[in-house]
Amino acid sequence: MSPPTSKKETQAFLGAIGFWRMHIPEYSQIVSPFYLVTRKNNDFHWGPEQQQAFAQIKQEIAHAVALGPVRMGPDVKNVLYSAAGNNGLSWSLWQKVPGETRG
């Protein structure tokens, strides 16, 4: 996959990967450099910061944990992870199921 070459392509890329925002920890911080090049008054300039974010989000998507149905039971533990920073906030909900190795 090639990096975007315009504001419009960057916006389309953000739309295409938006599904993953709830499944990748710190998603909003990872993609924040893309929003710098899509601002109305900014000229499009794809720099090292955007390239690093592009490589990182592709890596995160490729290695994201497969989603599955929510499991219930006395042995199942739900874990909520959250993070906040200057560029955004994120959260993810994980389940720990005895006898299964994930991620």
Protein backbone atom coordinates (compact mmCIF):
# COMPACT_ATOMS: atom_id res chain seq x y z
CA MET A 1 0.00 0.00 0.00
CA SER A 2 1.36 3.38 -1.00
CA PRO A 3 1.07 6.43 1.23
CA PRO A 4 -1.48 9.10 0.31
CA THR A 5 -0.30 11.85 -2.05
CA SER A 6 -2.96 14.50 -1.37
CA LYS A 7 -5.33 15.80 1.29
CA LYS A 8 -8.22 13.97 -0.36
CA GLU A 9 -6.33 10.66 -0.43
CA THR A 10 -5.35 11.12 3.22
CA GLN A 11 -8.98 11.74 4.17
CA ALA A 12 -10.02 8.64 2.20
CA PHE A 13 -7.33 6.60 3.96
CA LEU A 14 -8.55 7.79 7.36
CA GLY A 15 -12.08 6.79 6.38
CA ALA A 16 -10.93 3.36 5.24
CA ILE A 17 -9.04 2.59 8.46
CA GLY A 18 -11.59 4.21 10.78
CA PHE A 19 -13.07 0.81 11.66
CA TRP A 20 -9.90 0.00 13.60
CA ARG A 21 -10.17 3.03 15.90
CA MET A 22 -11.89 0.93 18.55
CA HIS A 23 -9.60 -2.07 18.18
CA ILE A 24 -6.10 -0.58 18.23
CA PRO A 25 -4.79 0.89 21.48
CA GLU A 26 -3.80 4.56 21.13
CA TYR A 27 -5.26 4.70 17.60
CA SER A 28 -6.02 8.43 17.83
CA GLN A 29 -2.44 9.24 18.81
CA ILE A 30 -1.00 7.06 16.05
CA VAL A 31 -3.06 8.72 13.29
CA SER A 32 -2.85 12.30 14.62
CA PRO A 33 -0.06 13.26 12.14
CA PHE A 34 -2.49 12.59 9.27
CA TYR A 35 -4.82 15.30 10.51
CA LEU A 36 -2.02 17.87 10.30
CA VAL A 37 -1.86 17.42 6.51
CA THR A 38 -5.64 17.52 6.03
CA ARG A 39 -6.29 20.88 7.69
CA LYS A 40 -8.00 23.38 5.43
CA ASN A 41 -5.36 26.13 5.67
CA ASN A 42 -2.33 23.82 5.50
CA ASP A 43 -0.56 22.85 2.29
CA PHE A 44 -0.21 19.10 1.82
CA HIS A 45 3.25 17.94 2.87
CA TRP A 46 3.85 14.26 3.64
CA GLY A 47 6.82 14.30 5.97
CA PRO A 48 8.70 11.82 8.16
CA GLU A 49 6.09 12.10 10.93
CA GLN A 50 3.29 11.07 8.57
CA GLN A 51 5.40 8.30 7.04
CA GLN A 52 6.20 6.87 10.48
CA ALA A 53 2.50 6.99 11.44
CA PHE A 54 1.59 5.32 8.13
CA ALA A 55 4.02 2.47 8.76
CA GLN A 56 2.88 2.09 12.37
CA ILE A 57 -0.86 1.99 11.62
CA LYS A 58 -0.32 -0.59 8.86
CA GLN A 59 1.67 -2.71 11.33
CA GLU A 60 -1.01 -2.35 14.01
CA ILE A 61 -3.78 -3.36 11.61
CA ALA A 62 -1.80 -6.36 10.34
CA HIS A 63 -1.25 -7.61 13.90
CA ALA A 64 -4.60 -6.67 15.43
CA VAL A 65 -6.23 -9.36 17.51
CA ALA A 66 -9.01 -11.12 15.66
CA LEU A 67 -12.40 -10.04 16.88
CA GLY A 68 -14.82 -12.61 18.16
CA PRO A 69 -18.11 -12.89 19.97
CA VAL A 70 -18.38 -11.64 23.54
CA ARG A 71 -18.12 -14.54 25.95
CA MET A 72 -19.85 -14.72 29.28
CA GLY A 73 -19.17 -16.85 32.31
CA PRO A 74 -17.77 -16.82 35.82
CA ASP A 75 -14.19 -17.46 34.61
CA VAL A 76 -14.21 -14.76 31.91
CA LYS A 77 -12.62 -11.47 32.96
CA ASN A 78 -13.30 -8.18 31.17
CA VAL A 79 -10.43 -5.69 31.11
CA LEU A 80 -10.82 -2.07 30.00
CA TYR A 81 -7.65 -0.24 28.93
CA SER A 82 -7.73 3.52 28.46
CA ALA A 83 -5.17 6.14 27.49
CA ALA A 84 -5.26 9.91 27.16
CA GLY A 85 -2.71 12.38 25.90
CA ASN A 86 -2.33 15.75 24.24
CA ASN A 87 -3.35 14.41 20.83
CA GLY A 88 -6.38 12.34 21.78
CA LEU A 89 -7.73 9.50 23.83
CA SER A 90 -8.46 5.85 23.25
CA TRP A 91 -9.80 2.77 24.94
CA SER A 92 -10.10 -0.94 24.28
CA LEU A 93 -12.06 -3.71 25.96
CA TRP A 94 -10.43 -7.13 26.20
CA GLN A 95 -11.61 -10.47 27.53
CA LYS A 96 -9.41 -12.97 29.32
CA VAL A 97 -10.72 -16.47 28.76
CA PRO A 98 -9.09 -19.35 30.69
CA GLY A 99 -7.24 -21.82 28.50
CA GLU A 100 -6.89 -19.48 25.52
CA THR A 101 -3.84 -17.59 24.37
CA ARG A 102 -4.50 -14.45 22.33
CA GLY A 103 -2.44 -11.58 21.02
